Protein backbone atom coordinates (compact mmCIF):
# COMPACT_ATOMS: atom_id res chain seq x y z
CA UNK A 1 0.00 0.00 0.00
CA UNK A 2 2.78 2.45 0.85
CA UNK A 3 4.81 1.75 -2.26
CA UNK A 4 1.73 1.94 -4.50
CA UNK A 5 0.95 5.38 -3.02
CA UNK A 6 4.54 6.51 -3.71
CA UNK A 7 5.26 7.02 -0.02
CA UNK A 8 8.87 6.81 1.08
CA UNK A 9 9.59 4.31 3.84
CA UNK A 10 12.03 5.89 6.30
CA UNK A 11 12.18 3.23 8.99
CA UNK A 12 11.32 -0.46 9.12
CA UNK A 13 11.88 -2.20 12.45
CA UNK A 14 11.16 -5.72 13.68
CA UNK A 15 10.96 -6.30 17.44
CA UNK A 16 12.12 -9.89 18.00
CA UNK A 17 10.85 -10.10 21.59
CA UNK A 18 7.28 -8.95 20.89
CA UNK A 19 7.14 -9.86 17.19
CA UNK A 20 5.83 -6.45 16.09
CA UNK A 21 6.83 -4.69 12.90
CA UNK A 22 6.99 -0.87 12.99
CA UNK A 23 6.98 1.22 9.80
CA UNK A 24 7.56 4.98 9.56
CA UNK A 25 6.67 6.32 6.11
CA UNK A 26 5.57 9.40 4.20
CA UNK A 27 5.05 12.70 5.98
CA UNK A 28 3.73 11.26 9.24
CA UNK A 29 2.52 7.69 8.70
CA UNK A 30 3.27 5.25 11.50
CA UNK A 31 2.06 1.66 11.22
CA UNK A 32 2.38 -1.23 13.68
CA UNK A 33 1.88 -4.83 12.59
CA UNK A 34 1.59 -7.28 15.51
CA UNK A 35 2.20 -11.02 15.06
CA UNK A 36 -1.49 -11.66 14.28
CA UNK A 37 -1.12 -9.57 11.10
CA UNK A 38 -3.85 -7.00 11.88
CA UNK A 39 -2.07 -3.72 11.15
CA UNK A 40 -3.07 -0.31 12.52
CA UNK A 41 -1.98 3.34 12.42
CA UNK A 42 -0.49 5.08 15.42
PDB file of N, CA and C in Angstrom:
ATOM      1  N   UNK A   1       0.824  -1.189   0.000  1.00  0.00           N
ATOM      2  CA  UNK A   1       0.000   0.000   0.000  1.00  0.00           C
ATOM      3  C   UNK A   1       0.870   1.256   0.000  1.00  0.00           C
ATOM      4  N   UNK A   2       1.917   1.271   0.788  1.00  0.00           N
ATOM      5  CA  UNK A   2       2.779   2.449   0.849  1.00  0.00           C
ATOM      6  C   UNK A   2       3.529   2.666  -0.457  1.00  0.00           C
ATOM      7  N   UNK A   3       4.056   1.601  -1.019  1.00  0.00           N
ATOM      8  CA  UNK A   3       4.814   1.752  -2.261  1.00  0.00           C
ATOM      9  C   UNK A   3       3.896   2.096  -3.428  1.00  0.00           C
ATOM     10  N   UNK A   4       2.665   1.603  -3.433  1.00  0.00           N
ATOM     11  CA  UNK A   4       1.726   1.944  -4.497  1.00  0.00           C
ATOM     12  C   UNK A   4       1.290   3.401  -4.412  1.00  0.00           C
ATOM     13  N   UNK A   5       1.307   3.968  -3.211  1.00  0.00           N
ATOM     14  CA  UNK A   5       0.952   5.379  -3.018  1.00  0.00           C
ATOM     15  C   UNK A   5       2.160   6.293  -3.121  1.00  0.00           C
ATOM     16  N   UNK A   6       3.300   5.760  -3.546  1.00  0.00           N
ATOM     17  CA  UNK A   6       4.544   6.506  -3.712  1.00  0.00           C
ATOM     18  C   UNK A   6       4.968   7.197  -2.422  1.00  0.00           C
ATOM     19  N   UNK A   7       4.809   6.509  -1.298  1.00  0.00           N
ATOM     20  CA  UNK A   7       5.263   7.018  -0.016  1.00  0.00           C
ATOM     21  C   UNK A   7       6.637   6.436   0.284  1.00  0.00           C
ATOM     22  N   UNK A   8       7.549   7.294   0.707  1.00  0.00           N
ATOM     23  CA  UNK A   8       8.875   6.812   1.082  1.00  0.00           C
ATOM     24  C   UNK A   8       8.800   6.118   2.428  1.00  0.00           C
ATOM     25  N   UNK A   9       9.507   5.009   2.565  1.00  0.00           N
ATOM     26  CA  UNK A   9       9.586   4.307   3.835  1.00  0.00           C
ATOM     27  C   UNK A   9      10.917   4.697   4.473  1.00  0.00           C
ATOM     28  N   UNK A  10      10.831   5.376   5.630  1.00  0.00           N
ATOM     29  CA  UNK A  10      12.029   5.889   6.298  1.00  0.00           C
ATOM     30  C   UNK A  10      12.605   4.906   7.311  1.00  0.00           C
ATOM     31  N   UNK A  11      11.724   4.148   7.959  1.00  0.00           N
ATOM     32  CA  UNK A  11      12.185   3.234   8.995  1.00  0.00           C
ATOM     33  C   UNK A  11      11.332   1.978   8.979  1.00  0.00           C
ATOM     34  N   UNK A  12      11.993   0.843   9.046  1.00  0.00           N
ATOM     35  CA  UNK A  12      11.324  -0.456   9.121  1.00  0.00           C
ATOM     36  C   UNK A  12      12.013  -1.206  10.237  1.00  0.00           C
ATOM     37  N   UNK A  13      11.264  -1.549  11.283  1.00  0.00           N
ATOM     38  CA  UNK A  13      11.881  -2.202  12.446  1.00  0.00           C
ATOM     39  C   UNK A  13      11.076  -3.420  12.872  1.00  0.00           C
ATOM     40  N   UNK A  14      11.787  -4.500  13.176  1.00  0.00           N
ATOM     41  CA  UNK A  14      11.164  -5.722  13.677  1.00  0.00           C
ATOM     42  C   UNK A  14      11.616  -5.946  15.107  1.00  0.00           C
ATOM     43  N   UNK A  15      10.666  -6.033  16.043  1.00  0.00           N
ATOM     44  CA  UNK A  15      10.965  -6.301  17.440  1.00  0.00           C
ATOM     45  C   UNK A  15      10.902  -7.808  17.665  1.00  0.00           C
ATOM     46  N   UNK A  16      12.049  -8.432  17.874  1.00  0.00           N
ATOM     47  CA  UNK A  16      12.116  -9.890  18.004  1.00  0.00           C
ATOM     48  C   UNK A  16      11.411 -10.396  19.251  1.00  0.00           C
ATOM     49  N   UNK A  17      11.459  -9.652  20.341  1.00  0.00           N
ATOM     50  CA  UNK A  17      10.849 -10.103  21.595  1.00  0.00           C
ATOM     51  C   UNK A  17       9.324 -10.128  21.502  1.00  0.00           C
ATOM     52  N   UNK A  18       8.737  -9.071  20.969  1.00  0.00           N
ATOM     53  CA  UNK A  18       7.278  -8.951  20.892  1.00  0.00           C
ATOM     54  C   UNK A  18       6.758  -9.508  19.570  1.00  0.00           C
ATOM     55  N   UNK A  19       7.552  -9.382  18.513  1.00  0.00           N
ATOM     56  CA  UNK A  19       7.138  -9.860  17.194  1.00  0.00           C
ATOM     57  C   UNK A  19       6.435  -8.803  16.367  1.00  0.00           C
ATOM     58  N   UNK A  20       6.469  -7.545  16.826  1.00  0.00           N
ATOM     59  CA  UNK A  20       5.834  -6.450  16.093  1.00  0.00           C
ATOM     60  C   UNK A  20       6.744  -5.903  15.004  1.00  0.00           C
ATOM     61  N   UNK A  21       6.122  -5.410  13.938  1.00  0.00           N
ATOM     62  CA  UNK A  21       6.831  -4.686  12.896  1.00  0.00           C
ATOM     63  C   UNK A  21       6.360  -3.246  12.970  1.00  0.00           C
ATOM     64  N   UNK A  22       7.296  -2.289  12.957  1.00  0.00           N
ATOM     65  CA  UNK A  22       6.988  -0.867  12.994  1.00  0.00           C
ATOM     66  C   UNK A  22       7.475  -0.244  11.694  1.00  0.00           C
ATOM     67  N   UNK A  23       6.625   0.552  11.060  1.00  0.00           N
ATOM     68  CA  UNK A  23       6.980   1.216   9.803  1.00  0.00           C
ATOM     69  C   UNK A  23       6.710   2.710   9.949  1.00  0.00           C
ATOM     70  N   UNK A  24       7.704   3.523   9.615  1.00  0.00           N
ATOM     71  CA  UNK A  24       7.556   4.978   9.559  1.00  0.00           C
ATOM     72  C   UNK A  24       7.705   5.371   8.095  1.00  0.00           C
ATOM     73  N   UNK A  25       6.676   6.018   7.540  1.00  0.00           N
ATOM     74  CA  UNK A  25       6.675   6.324   6.106  1.00  0.00           C
ATOM     75  C   UNK A  25       5.999   7.664   5.848  1.00  0.00           C
ATOM     76  N   UNK A  26       6.228   8.171   4.636  1.00  0.00           N
ATOM     77  CA  UNK A  26       5.572   9.398   4.198  1.00  0.00           C
ATOM     78  C   UNK A  26       5.843  10.569   5.110  1.00  0.00           C
ATOM     79  N   UNK A  27       4.882  11.509   5.152  1.00  0.00           N
ATOM     80  CA  UNK A  27       5.048  12.699   5.978  1.00  0.00           C
ATOM     81  C   UNK A  27       4.914  12.383   7.459  1.00  0.00           C
ATOM     82  N   UNK A  28       3.933  11.575   7.830  1.00  0.00           N
ATOM     83  CA  UNK A  28       3.729  11.261   9.237  1.00  0.00           C
ATOM     84  C   UNK A  28       2.892   9.989   9.375  1.00  0.00           C
ATOM     85  N   UNK A  29       3.254   8.953   8.660  1.00  0.00           N
ATOM     86  CA  UNK A  29       2.518   7.694   8.703  1.00  0.00           C
ATOM     87  C   UNK A  29       3.298   6.714   9.563  1.00  0.00           C
ATOM     88  N   UNK A  30       2.663   6.233  10.624  1.00  0.00           N
ATOM     89  CA  UNK A  30       3.266   5.245  11.500  1.00  0.00           C
ATOM     90  C   UNK A  30       2.330   4.043  11.567  1.00  0.00           C
ATOM     91  N   UNK A  31       2.864   2.879  11.260  1.00  0.00           N
ATOM     92  CA  UNK A  31       2.064   1.657  11.225  1.00  0.00           C
ATOM     93  C   UNK A  31       2.725   0.602  12.094  1.00  0.00           C
ATOM     94  N   UNK A  32       1.910  -0.102  12.875  1.00  0.00           N
ATOM     95  CA  UNK A  32       2.385  -1.227  13.676  1.00  0.00           C
ATOM     96  C   UNK A  32       1.665  -2.479  13.186  1.00  0.00           C
ATOM     97  N   UNK A  33       2.446  -3.543  13.005  1.00  0.00           N
ATOM     98  CA  UNK A  33       1.883  -4.826  12.591  1.00  0.00           C
ATOM     99  C   UNK A  33       2.265  -5.853  13.654  1.00  0.00           C
ATOM    100  N   UNK A  34       1.308  -6.253  14.499  1.00  0.00           N
ATOM    101  CA  UNK A  34       1.594  -7.283  15.506  1.00  0.00           C
ATOM    102  C   UNK A  34       1.650  -8.672  14.861  1.00  0.00           C
ATOM    103  N   UNK A  35       2.056  -9.669  15.625  1.00  0.00           N
ATOM    104  CA  UNK A  35       2.198 -11.017  15.056  1.00  0.00           C
ATOM    105  C   UNK A  35       0.925 -11.591  14.431  1.00  0.00           C
ATOM    106  N   UNK A  36      -0.253 -11.129  14.861  1.00  0.00           N
ATOM    107  CA  UNK A  36      -1.487 -11.663  14.284  1.00  0.00           C
ATOM    108  C   UNK A  36      -1.776 -11.114  12.889  1.00  0.00           C
ATOM    109  N   UNK A  37      -0.998 -10.087  12.448  1.00  0.00           N
ATOM    110  CA  UNK A  37      -1.124  -9.574  11.095  1.00  0.00           C
ATOM    111  C   UNK A  37      -2.126  -8.444  10.918  1.00  0.00           C
ATOM    112  N   UNK A  38      -2.882  -8.102  11.957  1.00  0.00           N
ATOM    113  CA  UNK A  38      -3.849  -7.003  11.883  1.00  0.00           C
ATOM    114  C   UNK A  38      -3.109  -5.692  12.105  1.00  0.00           C
ATOM    115  N   UNK A  39      -2.855  -4.936  11.032  1.00  0.00           N
ATOM    116  CA  UNK A  39      -2.071  -3.715  11.153  1.00  0.00           C
ATOM    117  C   UNK A  39      -2.958  -2.541  11.534  1.00  0.00           C
ATOM    118  N   UNK A  40      -2.344  -1.514  12.132  1.00  0.00           N
ATOM    119  CA  UNK A  40      -3.070  -0.307  12.516  1.00  0.00           C
ATOM    120  C   UNK A  40      -2.138   0.889  12.524  1.00  0.00           C
ATOM    121  N   UNK A  41      -2.724   2.077  12.368  1.00  0.00           N
ATOM    122  CA  UNK A  41      -1.983   3.339  12.416  1.00  0.00           C
ATOM    123  C   UNK A  41      -1.803   3.781  13.857  1.00  0.00           C
ATOM    124  N   UNK A  42      -0.708   4.457  14.109  1.00  0.00           N
ATOM    125  CA  UNK A  42      -0.486   5.076  15.423  1.00  0.00           C
ATOM    126  C   UNK A  42      -0.821   6.541  15.297  1.00  0.00           C
TER     127      UNK A  42
END
